[in-house]
Amino acid sequence: EVFQRIIADADHEITSSTRELFAAGVAGGLAISVTFLLYASLSAQTENPFLASVLYPLGFLYIILGGYQLYTENTVPPVALVLERLASIPALLRHWLIVFTGNAAGGVFGALVLAYTGVFEPAAAAEAIAISQKGVDTAWWDLFVKGAFAGLVVAGVVWVDFSATDTISRVVMVYLAFLAIPLGNLFHSVVSVTEVVYLVAEGELALLPGLTGFVLPVLLGNTVGGVVLVTIVNYYQTSDRRL
């Protein structure tokens, strides 16, 4: 039943226009910049990792409940269509490219606003640099594995969200799941784009090393975690007569 709901929703999404997907992706990227803002601000005010992370899921709540597009969400519904041979791989790649480009555009805009305006207090700005630098300093393989676990978390939320029957259940589920990302020291690709651009704007990092050494392994990990660990595994536990 969950799989059938995902297929129905995915068909609507993958046939959406470029304008619709890109705009929804930009909205998702802007929501992620809110997450970055709150995480850095709270981290500057407390040394308790839980308290620092308590508002981290807010941007993701905006995305899930608001119907925005997030790249890591799209490792489930469109991939399910491809597995059922209801969509082609080129259509899937087009969908991913548009959504991630929109996410990146929203995240870049948010990062530049945070870097060049007075939104951050001085302590929060310093903490934002420290948080972002921590990801850049992490080894490539560790970023990939941590990204895969984050992809598992996000794709798992998408899958379970299709079985939720009321808003309260969805809010609790999304909040707890995305709280696991900062508490588990995991990495999300759109958040990493925001962090890299923030470091570049602050003169702490060159763009290309940030993209290849931080964003790329996280993006690959998110993709593998969502596609393999959630969508394909859950696909093969459903009936042969899925539709």
Protein backbone atom coordinates (compact mmCIF):
# COMPACT_ATOMS: atom_id res chain seq x y z
CA GLU A 1 0.00 0.00 0.00
CA VAL A 2 2.83 2.41 0.84
CA PHE A 3 4.57 1.52 -2.41
CA GLN A 4 1.41 2.24 -4.41
CA ARG A 5 1.09 5.66 -2.80
CA ILE A 6 4.71 6.42 -3.64
CA ILE A 7 4.23 5.41 -7.27
CA ALA A 8 1.15 7.63 -7.60
CA ASP A 9 2.96 10.63 -6.11
CA ALA A 10 6.14 10.01 -8.10
CA ASP A 11 4.27 10.03 -11.39
CA HIS A 12 2.98 13.51 -10.59
CA GLU A 13 6.45 14.77 -9.63
CA ILE A 14 8.49 13.35 -12.47
CA THR A 15 6.10 14.83 -15.03
CA SER A 16 6.26 18.31 -13.45
CA SER A 17 7.69 21.12 -15.55
CA THR A 18 11.26 22.36 -15.16
CA ARG A 19 9.96 25.65 -13.75
CA GLU A 20 7.88 23.91 -11.07
CA LEU A 21 10.69 21.57 -10.01
CA PHE A 22 13.35 24.29 -9.97
CA ALA A 23 11.20 26.73 -7.99
CA ALA A 24 10.29 24.04 -5.45
CA GLY A 25 14.00 23.15 -5.26
CA VAL A 26 14.97 26.78 -4.59
CA ALA A 27 12.37 26.90 -1.81
CA GLY A 28 13.91 23.75 -0.34
CA GLY A 29 17.41 25.24 -0.47
CA LEU A 30 16.23 28.40 1.28
CA ALA A 31 14.62 26.27 4.00
CA ILE A 32 17.96 24.50 4.49
CA SER A 33 19.66 27.87 5.03
CA VAL A 34 17.24 28.39 7.93
CA THR A 35 18.48 25.11 9.41
CA PHE A 36 22.10 26.30 9.04
CA LEU A 37 21.24 29.65 10.63
CA LEU A 38 19.53 28.09 13.66
CA TYR A 39 22.14 25.37 14.17
CA ALA A 40 25.04 27.86 14.17
CA SER A 41 23.19 30.35 16.37
CA LEU A 42 22.24 27.78 19.00
CA SER A 43 25.68 26.16 18.92
CA ALA A 44 27.18 29.56 19.78
CA GLN A 45 24.93 29.81 22.84
CA THR A 46 25.42 26.38 24.37
CA GLU A 47 28.00 23.61 24.58
CA ASN A 48 25.28 20.97 24.89
CA PRO A 49 25.04 19.19 21.51
CA PHE A 50 21.38 18.30 21.99
CA LEU A 51 20.34 21.86 22.78
CA ALA A 52 22.39 23.13 19.86
CA SER A 53 20.55 20.73 17.55
CA VAL A 54 17.03 21.19 18.87
CA LEU A 55 15.90 23.48 15.99
CA TYR A 56 18.01 21.82 13.28
CA PRO A 57 14.99 19.94 11.81
CA LEU A 58 12.93 23.13 11.27
CA GLY A 59 14.06 23.67 7.68
CA PHE A 60 13.32 20.03 6.84
CA LEU A 61 9.87 20.34 8.41
CA TYR A 62 9.21 23.27 6.08
CA ILE A 63 10.25 21.10 3.13
CA ILE A 64 8.29 17.95 3.99
CA LEU A 65 5.09 19.61 5.19
CA GLY A 66 5.27 22.45 2.67
CA GLY A 67 5.68 20.15 -0.32
CA TYR A 68 9.01 21.66 -1.41
CA GLN A 69 11.60 19.64 -3.30
CA LEU A 70 14.75 18.25 -1.68
CA TYR A 71 17.29 16.19 -3.61
CA THR A 72 17.58 13.49 -0.97
CA GLU A 73 13.81 13.03 -0.90
CA ASN A 74 13.98 12.17 -4.58
CA THR A 75 16.03 9.04 -4.00
CA VAL A 76 12.71 7.29 -3.30
CA PRO A 77 9.64 8.08 -5.49
CA PRO A 78 11.32 8.64 -8.89
CA VAL A 79 13.62 5.64 -8.34
CA ALA A 80 10.57 3.49 -7.56
CA LEU A 81 9.14 4.49 -10.95
CA VAL A 82 12.35 3.43 -12.68
CA LEU A 83 12.36 0.09 -10.86
CA GLU A 84 8.78 -0.51 -12.06
CA ARG A 85 9.83 0.54 -15.60
CA LEU A 86 7.31 3.38 -15.52
CA ALA A 87 10.04 6.00 -16.04
CA SER A 88 13.41 6.02 -17.77
CA ILE A 89 16.83 6.59 -16.23
CA PRO A 90 17.33 9.79 -18.30
CA ALA A 91 14.03 11.11 -16.88
CA LEU A 92 15.27 10.30 -13.37
CA LEU A 93 18.61 12.03 -13.96
CA ARG A 94 16.82 15.10 -15.38
CA HIS A 95 14.62 15.21 -12.30
CA TRP A 96 17.60 14.92 -9.95
CA LEU A 97 19.59 17.58 -11.82
CA ILE A 98 16.79 20.14 -11.75
CA VAL A 99 15.96 19.61 -8.09
CA PHE A 100 19.58 19.66 -6.90
CA THR A 101 20.32 22.75 -8.97
CA GLY A 102 17.34 24.47 -7.36
CA ASN A 103 18.42 23.32 -3.89
CA ALA A 104 21.95 24.59 -4.51
CA ALA A 105 20.67 27.95 -5.78
CA GLY A 106 18.54 28.41 -2.66
CA GLY A 107 21.38 27.31 -0.39
CA VAL A 108 23.89 29.61 -2.11
CA PHE A 109 21.56 32.59 -1.80
CA GLY A 110 20.97 31.83 1.89
CA ALA A 111 24.69 31.43 2.57
CA LEU A 112 25.53 34.74 0.88
CA VAL A 113 22.84 36.55 2.86
CA LEU A 114 24.21 35.08 6.10
CA ALA A 115 27.79 36.00 5.15
CA TYR A 116 27.23 39.56 3.93
CA THR A 117 24.49 40.83 6.23
CA GLY A 118 24.10 41.18 9.98
CA VAL A 119 21.83 38.17 10.43
CA PHE A 120 24.52 36.30 12.36
CA GLU A 121 25.77 37.67 15.64
CA PRO A 122 29.62 37.66 15.77
CA ALA A 123 29.69 34.55 17.97
CA ALA A 124 27.24 32.75 15.68
CA ALA A 125 29.27 33.72 12.59
CA ALA A 126 32.41 32.27 14.16
CA GLU A 127 30.51 29.10 15.09
CA ALA A 128 29.15 28.80 11.55
CA ILE A 129 32.73 28.86 10.23
CA ALA A 130 33.80 26.23 12.77
CA ILE A 131 30.85 23.94 11.93
CA SER A 132 31.46 24.24 8.20
CA GLN A 133 35.22 23.75 8.54
CA LYS A 134 34.63 20.54 10.49
CA GLY A 135 33.00 19.01 7.41
CA VAL A 136 35.74 20.21 5.08
CA ASP A 137 38.39 18.67 7.36
CA THR A 138 36.67 15.26 7.40
CA ALA A 139 38.20 12.50 5.25
CA TRP A 140 36.56 11.77 1.85
CA TRP A 141 35.54 8.20 2.71
CA ASP A 142 34.15 9.23 6.11
CA LEU A 143 32.07 11.92 4.39
CA PHE A 144 30.73 9.32 1.97
CA VAL A 145 29.73 6.88 4.71
CA LYS A 146 28.22 9.56 6.93
CA GLY A 147 26.39 10.87 3.86
CA ALA A 148 25.05 7.38 3.16
CA PHE A 149 23.59 7.15 6.66
CA ALA A 150 22.05 10.61 6.25
CA GLY A 151 20.59 9.46 2.93
CA LEU A 152 19.14 6.44 4.73
CA VAL A 153 17.52 8.74 7.31
CA VAL A 154 15.99 11.10 4.74
CA ALA A 155 14.76 8.38 2.39
CA GLY A 156 13.37 6.48 5.37
CA VAL A 157 11.39 9.58 6.32
CA VAL A 158 9.98 9.80 2.80
CA TRP A 159 8.95 6.15 2.83
CA VAL A 160 7.31 6.30 6.26
CA ASP A 161 5.70 9.66 5.49
CA PHE A 162 3.49 7.95 2.92
CA SER A 163 2.04 5.77 5.68
CA ALA A 164 1.37 8.66 8.10
CA THR A 165 -2.29 9.54 8.49
CA ASP A 166 -2.23 12.87 10.34
CA THR A 167 -0.11 16.01 10.58
CA ILE A 168 0.96 15.46 14.20
CA SER A 169 2.43 12.06 13.38
CA ARG A 170 4.27 13.53 10.39
CA VAL A 171 5.71 16.40 12.44
CA VAL A 172 6.99 14.10 15.19
CA MET A 173 8.44 11.61 12.72
CA VAL A 174 10.21 14.25 10.60
CA TYR A 175 11.52 16.09 13.66
CA LEU A 176 13.02 13.02 15.32
CA ALA A 177 14.50 11.69 12.08
CA PHE A 178 16.24 14.90 11.09
CA LEU A 179 17.43 15.51 14.63
CA ALA A 180 19.51 12.37 14.10
CA ILE A 181 21.65 14.12 11.46
CA PRO A 182 23.41 16.63 13.76
CA LEU A 183 23.39 14.31 16.76
CA GLY A 184 24.95 11.53 14.68
CA ASN A 185 27.49 13.90 13.08
CA LEU A 186 26.08 13.03 9.66
CA PHE A 187 26.17 15.18 6.53
CA HIS A 188 23.48 16.34 4.11
CA SER A 189 24.45 17.42 0.60
CA VAL A 190 22.36 20.61 0.45
CA VAL A 191 23.53 21.68 3.90
CA SER A 192 27.12 21.04 2.76
CA VAL A 193 26.61 23.32 -0.27
CA THR A 194 25.42 26.08 2.06
CA GLU A 195 28.41 25.55 4.36
CA VAL A 196 30.95 25.56 1.52
CA VAL A 197 29.57 28.76 0.01
CA TYR A 198 29.54 30.39 3.44
CA LEU A 199 33.22 29.51 3.93
CA VAL A 200 34.06 30.81 0.46
CA ALA A 201 32.21 34.08 1.15
CA GLU A 202 34.12 34.45 4.42
CA GLY A 203 37.44 33.89 2.66
CA GLU A 204 38.13 30.63 4.50
CA LEU A 205 38.02 28.21 1.55
CA ALA A 206 38.40 28.02 -2.24
CA LEU A 207 35.26 26.93 -4.06
CA LEU A 208 36.57 23.99 -6.13
CA PRO A 209 38.27 22.12 -3.23
CA GLY A 210 35.13 22.63 -1.18
CA LEU A 211 32.92 21.16 -3.88
CA THR A 212 35.13 18.19 -4.72
CA GLY A 213 36.38 17.45 -1.22
CA PHE A 214 33.19 18.04 0.75
CA VAL A 215 30.01 18.36 -1.31
CA LEU A 216 30.75 15.57 -3.82
CA PRO A 217 31.37 12.71 -1.35
CA VAL A 218 28.36 13.75 0.72
CA LEU A 219 26.18 13.93 -2.39
CA LEU A 220 27.29 10.48 -3.53
CA GLY A 221 26.76 9.07 -0.03
CA ASN A 222 23.27 10.58 0.22
CA THR A 223 22.37 9.09 -3.16
CA VAL A 224 23.66 5.60 -2.39
CA GLY A 225 22.10 5.61 1.07
CA GLY A 226 18.68 6.61 -0.21
CA VAL A 227 18.57 4.52 -3.37
CA VAL A 228 20.22 1.31 -2.17
CA LEU A 229 19.52 1.17 1.56
CA VAL A 230 15.90 2.31 1.40
CA THR A 231 14.27 2.27 -2.03
CA ILE A 232 15.78 -0.94 -3.45
CA VAL A 233 15.61 -2.82 -0.14
CA ASN A 234 11.98 -1.81 0.42
CA TYR A 235 11.12 -2.50 -3.22
CA TYR A 236 12.19 -6.12 -2.92
CA GLN A 237 10.22 -6.70 0.26
CA THR A 238 6.97 -5.80 -1.50
CA SER A 239 4.78 -8.26 -3.41
CA ASP A 240 5.60 -9.22 -6.99
CA ARG A 241 2.16 -7.85 -7.85
CA ARG A 242 2.84 -4.39 -6.48
CA LEU A 243 0.46 -2.41 -8.65
